Amino acid sequence: MKNKETSGIIAGLLSGLLWGADTHYNGVILMMLPFTLVDPRLAGAALLLALFHDGFSALMMTGELVRQGQLKQTFKQLTSKSSFVVMLAAVLGGPMGMRAYLYAVDAIGAGLTASISSMYPVVAAFLGMLILKEKITKPVWIGLGLAVLAVLGVSLSGDMMQSNAQLIGFLVAFLSVVGWSLESVICSIGMKEDLNPKQALWIRQCVSTLVYLGFITFESDLVFSVTAVISQPVLWLILGVAVLGTLSYLNFYRAIDTIGPVKATALNISYAIWAIVFSILLGGAEFNPILLLSAALMIVSSVLVSQHEGA
């Protein structure tokens, strides 16, 4: 039991590290062709990137299930209650959460978006208490409170305040908070029965991709939009980022399955700090001392939540 708990904590921390890198590189991609083009036939940058990001992820998870001989069994489970629950979580976390997240990254920057959206564990904790009847104890609340202070510290850092922030960007970033909070709680219900994390993630990414395709078909020219991406060198960077995203998702789902949505989201929240760290190391952003304090608060928060047995 202890080994399972430890593996869940490690998975949660890894999901945060990988998502921080994913966030940084998505911000880079959105500044490249064809995402900077203005053409009525082209889908919105956030929607188009989300399609390729989750689409590549779905293909990778298909290959993984084939390798493990689980794809046929997963198809048989598509009509189960657990699968429908995960499908609902997919719509909330993908087309709602991920699209909103990437839109906000494009509008107000990766760091500020990450700092706002990483407040979703607080919402997930409330939802876990209401929907799953989880007992949220004092150490968990203290940890979540420190996490909020940490992300506020990130948002007050100099680099963040220099962003061309718009009201719509802030509102959309908060929309991703709602989507991801609902996804983490609802998905934990689906995995309590007959789905393992890899099967749940495959369903999530496939459903998410299909919904994105529907949106693009309705809102723009699907063929033109897809061709615009695959004809550019950025396609290979998107593929690489999709690998990071898939590994992050997989570790997050594994953490939800082993230690529950409250602990999993509290550990995953570290991606806000990692996104800034990668921006400094890889993007040349200026280091800010407030960032150091925020990182320390985030670490203390994660330790408090992950070590408490009652969470």
Protein backbone atom coordinates (compact mmCIF):
# COMPACT_ATOMS: atom_id res chain seq x y z
CA MET A 1 0.00 0.00 0.00
CA LYS A 2 2.85 2.35 0.88
CA ASN A 3 4.59 1.61 -2.44
CA LYS A 4 1.38 2.40 -4.29
CA GLU A 5 1.08 5.70 -2.44
CA THR A 6 4.70 6.59 -3.24
CA SER A 7 4.29 5.76 -6.93
CA GLY A 8 1.17 7.92 -7.05
CA ILE A 9 3.02 10.87 -5.49
CA ILE A 10 5.91 10.51 -7.96
CA ALA A 11 3.44 10.33 -10.84
CA GLY A 12 1.71 13.50 -9.63
CA LEU A 13 5.00 15.41 -9.39
CA LEU A 14 6.11 14.19 -12.83
CA SER A 15 2.81 15.30 -14.34
CA GLY A 16 3.52 18.83 -13.10
CA LEU A 17 7.09 18.91 -14.42
CA LEU A 18 6.08 17.62 -17.85
CA TRP A 19 3.08 19.95 -18.12
CA GLY A 20 5.30 22.91 -17.28
CA ALA A 21 7.50 22.04 -20.26
CA ASP A 22 4.40 21.44 -22.39
CA THR A 23 3.05 24.89 -21.48
CA HIS A 24 6.31 26.66 -22.33
CA TYR A 25 6.64 25.04 -25.74
CA ASN A 26 2.97 25.56 -26.59
CA GLY A 27 3.58 29.27 -26.06
CA VAL A 28 6.52 29.06 -28.48
CA ILE A 29 4.43 27.17 -31.07
CA LEU A 30 1.64 29.76 -30.98
CA MET A 31 4.16 32.39 -32.13
CA MET A 32 5.10 30.34 -35.21
CA LEU A 33 3.48 29.80 -38.61
CA PRO A 34 0.70 29.01 -39.38
CA PHE A 35 -0.73 30.00 -35.98
CA THR A 36 0.12 33.69 -36.49
CA LEU A 37 -1.64 33.88 -39.87
CA VAL A 38 -4.86 35.85 -40.27
CA ASP A 39 -7.09 33.95 -42.69
CA PRO A 40 -10.86 33.40 -42.40
CA ARG A 41 -10.40 29.82 -43.57
CA LEU A 42 -7.95 29.03 -40.76
CA ALA A 43 -9.21 27.72 -37.42
CA GLY A 44 -8.37 29.70 -34.29
CA ALA A 45 -4.80 29.15 -33.14
CA ALA A 46 -5.75 27.64 -29.76
CA LEU A 47 -8.33 25.29 -31.27
CA LEU A 48 -6.03 24.15 -34.07
CA LEU A 49 -3.09 23.51 -31.74
CA ALA A 50 -5.35 21.64 -29.32
CA LEU A 51 -6.50 19.36 -32.16
CA PHE A 52 -2.96 18.36 -33.09
CA HIS A 53 -1.77 18.19 -29.47
CA ASP A 54 -4.50 15.79 -28.35
CA GLY A 55 -4.72 14.07 -31.75
CA PHE A 56 -1.06 13.05 -31.66
CA SER A 57 -1.57 12.00 -28.05
CA ALA A 58 -4.51 9.79 -29.05
CA LEU A 59 -2.37 8.10 -31.72
CA MET A 60 0.43 7.48 -29.20
CA MET A 61 -1.98 5.98 -26.68
CA THR A 62 -3.47 3.77 -29.41
CA GLY A 63 0.01 2.42 -30.11
CA GLU A 64 0.61 1.84 -26.40
CA LEU A 65 -2.64 -0.10 -25.98
CA VAL A 66 -1.82 -2.19 -29.06
CA ARG A 67 1.64 -2.92 -27.63
CA GLN A 68 0.09 -4.10 -24.36
CA GLY A 69 -2.71 -6.03 -26.06
CA GLN A 70 -5.40 -3.89 -24.37
CA LEU A 71 -6.98 -2.13 -27.36
CA LYS A 72 -9.56 -4.83 -28.14
CA GLN A 73 -10.59 -5.01 -24.49
CA THR A 74 -10.87 -1.21 -24.34
CA PHE A 75 -13.16 -1.16 -27.38
CA LYS A 76 -15.43 -3.66 -25.64
CA GLN A 77 -15.65 -1.36 -22.63
CA LEU A 78 -16.71 1.71 -24.63
CA THR A 79 -20.37 1.09 -23.81
CA SER A 80 -19.74 0.73 -20.08
CA LYS A 81 -20.77 3.32 -17.50
CA SER A 82 -17.12 4.00 -16.69
CA SER A 83 -16.35 4.85 -20.31
CA PHE A 84 -19.24 7.29 -20.57
CA VAL A 85 -18.06 8.98 -17.37
CA VAL A 86 -14.55 9.36 -18.82
CA MET A 87 -16.04 10.68 -22.08
CA LEU A 88 -17.83 13.39 -20.12
CA ALA A 89 -14.57 14.19 -18.33
CA ALA A 90 -12.86 14.35 -21.74
CA VAL A 91 -15.22 17.03 -23.02
CA LEU A 92 -14.75 19.08 -19.86
CA GLY A 93 -10.97 18.70 -19.77
CA GLY A 94 -10.24 18.89 -23.50
CA PRO A 95 -12.57 21.08 -25.59
CA MET A 96 -13.46 23.16 -22.54
CA GLY A 97 -10.31 23.11 -20.37
CA MET A 98 -7.49 22.66 -22.88
CA ARG A 99 -8.94 24.96 -25.53
CA ALA A 100 -9.47 27.66 -22.93
CA TYR A 101 -5.94 27.12 -21.60
CA LEU A 102 -4.28 27.48 -25.00
CA TYR A 103 -6.42 30.50 -25.86
CA ALA A 104 -5.27 32.15 -22.63
CA VAL A 105 -1.62 31.23 -23.33
CA ASP A 106 -1.97 33.00 -26.67
CA ALA A 107 -3.76 36.01 -25.14
CA ILE A 108 -1.91 36.70 -21.87
CA GLY A 109 1.20 34.51 -22.01
CA ALA A 110 2.21 31.07 -20.76
CA GLY A 111 3.39 32.10 -17.30
CA LEU A 112 0.36 34.13 -16.30
CA THR A 113 -2.02 31.53 -17.71
CA ALA A 114 -0.24 28.77 -15.79
CA SER A 115 -0.39 30.74 -12.55
CA ILE A 116 -4.14 31.34 -12.89
CA SER A 117 -5.10 27.88 -14.09
CA SER A 118 -3.04 26.12 -11.44
CA MET A 119 -5.55 27.27 -8.84
CA TYR A 120 -7.80 24.43 -10.02
CA PRO A 121 -6.87 22.09 -7.11
CA VAL A 122 -8.84 24.35 -4.78
CA VAL A 123 -11.92 23.94 -6.96
CA ALA A 124 -11.22 20.21 -7.34
CA ALA A 125 -10.99 19.87 -3.56
CA PHE A 126 -14.43 21.43 -3.12
CA LEU A 127 -15.85 19.23 -5.87
CA GLY A 128 -14.22 16.14 -4.37
CA MET A 129 -15.83 17.00 -1.06
CA LEU A 130 -19.25 17.55 -2.64
CA ILE A 131 -19.31 14.79 -5.26
CA LEU A 132 -17.00 12.10 -3.86
CA LYS A 133 -17.71 12.87 -0.19
CA GLU A 134 -13.96 13.10 0.44
CA LYS A 135 -12.86 14.41 3.81
CA ILE A 136 -10.68 17.47 3.32
CA THR A 137 -8.64 17.77 6.49
CA LYS A 138 -6.81 20.75 7.97
CA PRO A 139 -3.32 19.94 6.57
CA VAL A 140 -4.82 19.58 3.09
CA TRP A 141 -6.53 22.97 3.35
CA ILE A 142 -3.29 24.55 4.59
CA GLY A 143 -1.41 22.99 1.67
CA LEU A 144 -3.97 24.20 -0.83
CA GLY A 145 -3.90 27.67 0.73
CA LEU A 146 -0.12 27.83 0.35
CA ALA A 147 -0.52 26.70 -3.25
CA VAL A 148 -2.84 29.63 -3.91
CA LEU A 149 -0.31 32.03 -2.33
CA ALA A 150 2.40 30.52 -4.51
CA VAL A 151 0.53 31.02 -7.76
CA LEU A 152 -0.42 34.55 -6.72
CA GLY A 153 3.28 35.19 -6.13
CA VAL A 154 4.00 34.00 -9.65
CA SER A 155 1.35 36.33 -11.07
CA LEU A 156 2.89 39.29 -9.21
CA SER A 157 6.39 38.66 -10.56
CA GLY A 158 7.77 41.25 -12.97
CA ASP A 159 7.64 39.03 -16.04
CA MET A 160 3.96 38.37 -15.53
CA MET A 161 3.00 42.02 -14.98
CA GLN A 162 4.66 42.98 -18.27
CA SER A 163 2.22 40.76 -20.20
CA ASN A 164 -0.34 42.39 -22.52
CA ALA A 165 -3.12 40.94 -20.36
CA GLN A 166 -6.71 41.37 -21.52
CA LEU A 167 -9.87 40.72 -19.53
CA ILE A 168 -10.97 37.99 -21.93
CA GLY A 169 -7.67 36.17 -21.41
CA PHE A 170 -8.11 36.16 -17.63
CA LEU A 171 -11.72 34.96 -17.89
CA VAL A 172 -10.80 32.17 -20.28
CA ALA A 173 -7.93 31.08 -18.02
CA PHE A 174 -10.44 30.72 -15.18
CA LEU A 175 -12.66 28.68 -17.52
CA SER A 176 -9.81 26.16 -17.82
CA VAL A 177 -9.79 25.98 -14.00
CA VAL A 178 -13.43 24.88 -14.01
CA GLY A 179 -12.94 22.38 -16.84
CA TRP A 180 -9.87 20.69 -15.38
CA SER A 181 -11.34 20.56 -11.87
CA LEU A 182 -14.42 18.77 -13.13
CA GLU A 183 -12.28 16.45 -15.27
CA SER A 184 -10.09 15.30 -12.37
CA VAL A 185 -13.05 14.53 -10.10
CA ILE A 186 -15.29 12.92 -12.74
CA CYS A 187 -12.43 10.88 -14.21
CA SER A 188 -11.64 9.42 -10.79
CA ILE A 189 -15.20 8.07 -10.71
CA GLY A 190 -14.72 6.35 -14.09
CA MET A 191 -11.44 4.72 -13.05
CA LYS A 192 -12.88 3.36 -9.81
CA GLU A 193 -14.57 0.57 -11.75
CA ASP A 194 -13.16 -1.22 -14.80
CA LEU A 195 -10.82 1.22 -16.55
CA ASN A 196 -7.10 1.57 -15.92
CA PRO A 197 -5.35 4.96 -16.40
CA LYS A 198 -4.06 4.16 -19.91
CA GLN A 199 -7.49 3.08 -21.12
CA ALA A 200 -9.08 6.16 -19.58
CA LEU A 201 -6.50 8.44 -21.18
CA TRP A 202 -7.01 6.82 -24.60
CA ILE A 203 -10.76 7.41 -24.38
CA ARG A 204 -10.15 10.97 -23.17
CA GLN A 205 -7.83 11.88 -26.03
CA CYS A 206 -9.93 10.21 -28.74
CA VAL A 207 -13.15 11.91 -27.62
CA SER A 208 -11.36 15.23 -27.23
CA THR A 209 -9.89 14.97 -30.75
CA LEU A 210 -13.26 14.12 -32.31
CA VAL A 211 -14.90 17.11 -30.61
CA TYR A 212 -12.10 19.40 -31.81
CA LEU A 213 -12.62 18.12 -35.36
CA GLY A 214 -16.31 18.93 -35.07
CA PHE A 215 -15.58 22.47 -33.84
CA ILE A 216 -13.09 23.17 -36.64
CA THR A 217 -15.46 21.78 -39.30
CA PHE A 218 -18.21 24.05 -38.00
CA GLU A 219 -16.10 27.17 -37.41
CA SER A 220 -13.64 27.14 -40.32
CA ASP A 221 -12.18 25.14 -43.23
CA LEU A 222 -10.96 21.82 -41.80
CA VAL A 223 -8.88 20.73 -44.80
CA PHE A 224 -7.23 24.14 -45.18
CA SER A 225 -6.48 24.35 -41.45
CA VAL A 226 -4.96 20.86 -41.20
CA THR A 227 -2.94 21.33 -44.40
CA ALA A 228 -1.62 24.66 -43.12
CA VAL A 229 -0.09 22.90 -40.11
CA ILE A 230 1.27 19.75 -41.74
CA SER A 231 2.99 21.82 -44.45
CA GLN A 232 5.06 23.72 -41.88
CA PRO A 233 8.18 22.60 -39.93
CA VAL A 234 6.31 23.40 -36.69
CA LEU A 235 4.56 20.04 -37.09
CA TRP A 236 7.59 18.24 -35.62
CA LEU A 237 7.71 20.54 -32.61
CA ILE A 238 4.00 19.92 -32.02
CA LEU A 239 4.68 16.17 -32.13
CA GLY A 240 7.45 16.52 -29.55
CA VAL A 241 5.25 18.62 -27.27
CA ALA A 242 2.45 16.08 -27.67
CA VAL A 243 4.83 13.45 -26.27
CA LEU A 244 5.41 15.66 -23.21
CA GLY A 245 1.68 16.23 -22.87
CA THR A 246 0.86 12.53 -23.18
CA LEU A 247 3.39 11.59 -20.50
CA SER A 248 2.00 14.35 -18.27
CA TYR A 249 -1.59 13.20 -18.78
CA LEU A 250 -0.62 9.58 -18.18
CA ASN A 251 1.15 10.36 -14.92
CA PHE A 252 -1.74 12.58 -13.83
CA TYR A 253 -4.32 9.87 -14.50
CA ARG A 254 -2.12 7.32 -12.72
CA ALA A 255 -1.90 9.66 -9.73
CA ILE A 256 -5.68 10.18 -9.70
CA ASP A 257 -6.17 6.42 -9.79
CA THR A 258 -3.73 5.69 -6.94
CA ILE A 259 -3.92 8.65 -4.55
CA GLY A 260 -7.19 10.36 -5.50
CA PRO A 261 -8.02 13.62 -7.30
CA VAL A 262 -7.25 15.97 -4.39
CA LYS A 263 -3.67 14.79 -3.85
CA ALA A 264 -3.10 14.34 -7.59
CA THR A 265 -4.16 17.87 -8.46
CA ALA A 266 -2.21 19.38 -5.54
CA LEU A 267 0.98 17.75 -6.84
CA ASN A 268 0.21 18.55 -10.48
CA ILE A 269 -0.15 22.25 -9.61
CA SER A 270 3.65 22.58 -9.59
CA TYR A 271 3.46 23.02 -13.38
CA ALA A 272 2.92 26.77 -12.78
CA ILE A 273 6.40 27.05 -11.31
CA TRP A 274 7.94 24.73 -13.88
CA ALA A 275 6.46 26.79 -16.74
CA ILE A 276 8.30 29.85 -15.41
CA VAL A 277 11.51 27.89 -14.81
CA PHE A 278 11.50 26.62 -18.39
CA SER A 279 10.81 30.15 -19.63
CA ILE A 280 13.92 31.34 -17.76
CA LEU A 281 16.17 28.45 -18.80
CA LEU A 282 14.95 28.03 -22.37
CA GLY A 283 13.23 31.30 -23.24
CA GLY A 284 15.61 33.82 -21.70
CA ALA A 285 13.07 35.26 -19.24
CA GLU A 286 14.51 37.32 -16.37
CA PHE A 287 14.70 35.68 -12.93
CA ASN A 288 12.57 37.33 -10.24
CA PRO A 289 13.12 36.76 -6.48
CA ILE A 290 9.36 36.47 -5.94
CA LEU A 291 9.59 33.34 -8.07
CA LEU A 292 11.94 31.71 -5.54
CA LEU A 293 9.47 32.28 -2.69
CA SER A 294 6.61 31.01 -4.85
CA ALA A 295 8.55 27.84 -5.67
CA ALA A 296 9.27 27.25 -1.98
CA LEU A 297 5.59 27.70 -1.07
CA MET A 298 4.61 25.30 -3.85
CA ILE A 299 6.99 22.62 -2.58
CA VAL A 300 5.72 22.98 1.01
CA SER A 301 2.15 22.82 -0.29
CA SER A 302 2.82 19.61 -2.22
CA VAL A 303 4.52 17.97 0.77
CA LEU A 304 1.66 18.88 3.12
CA VAL A 305 -1.03 17.48 0.85
CA SER A 306 0.84 14.39 -0.36
CA GLN A 307 1.98 13.19 3.08
CA HIS A 308 -1.36 13.49 4.84
CA GLU A 309 -2.99 10.07 5.10
CA GLY A 310 -6.50 11.39 5.38
CA ALA A 311 -6.49 13.28 2.10
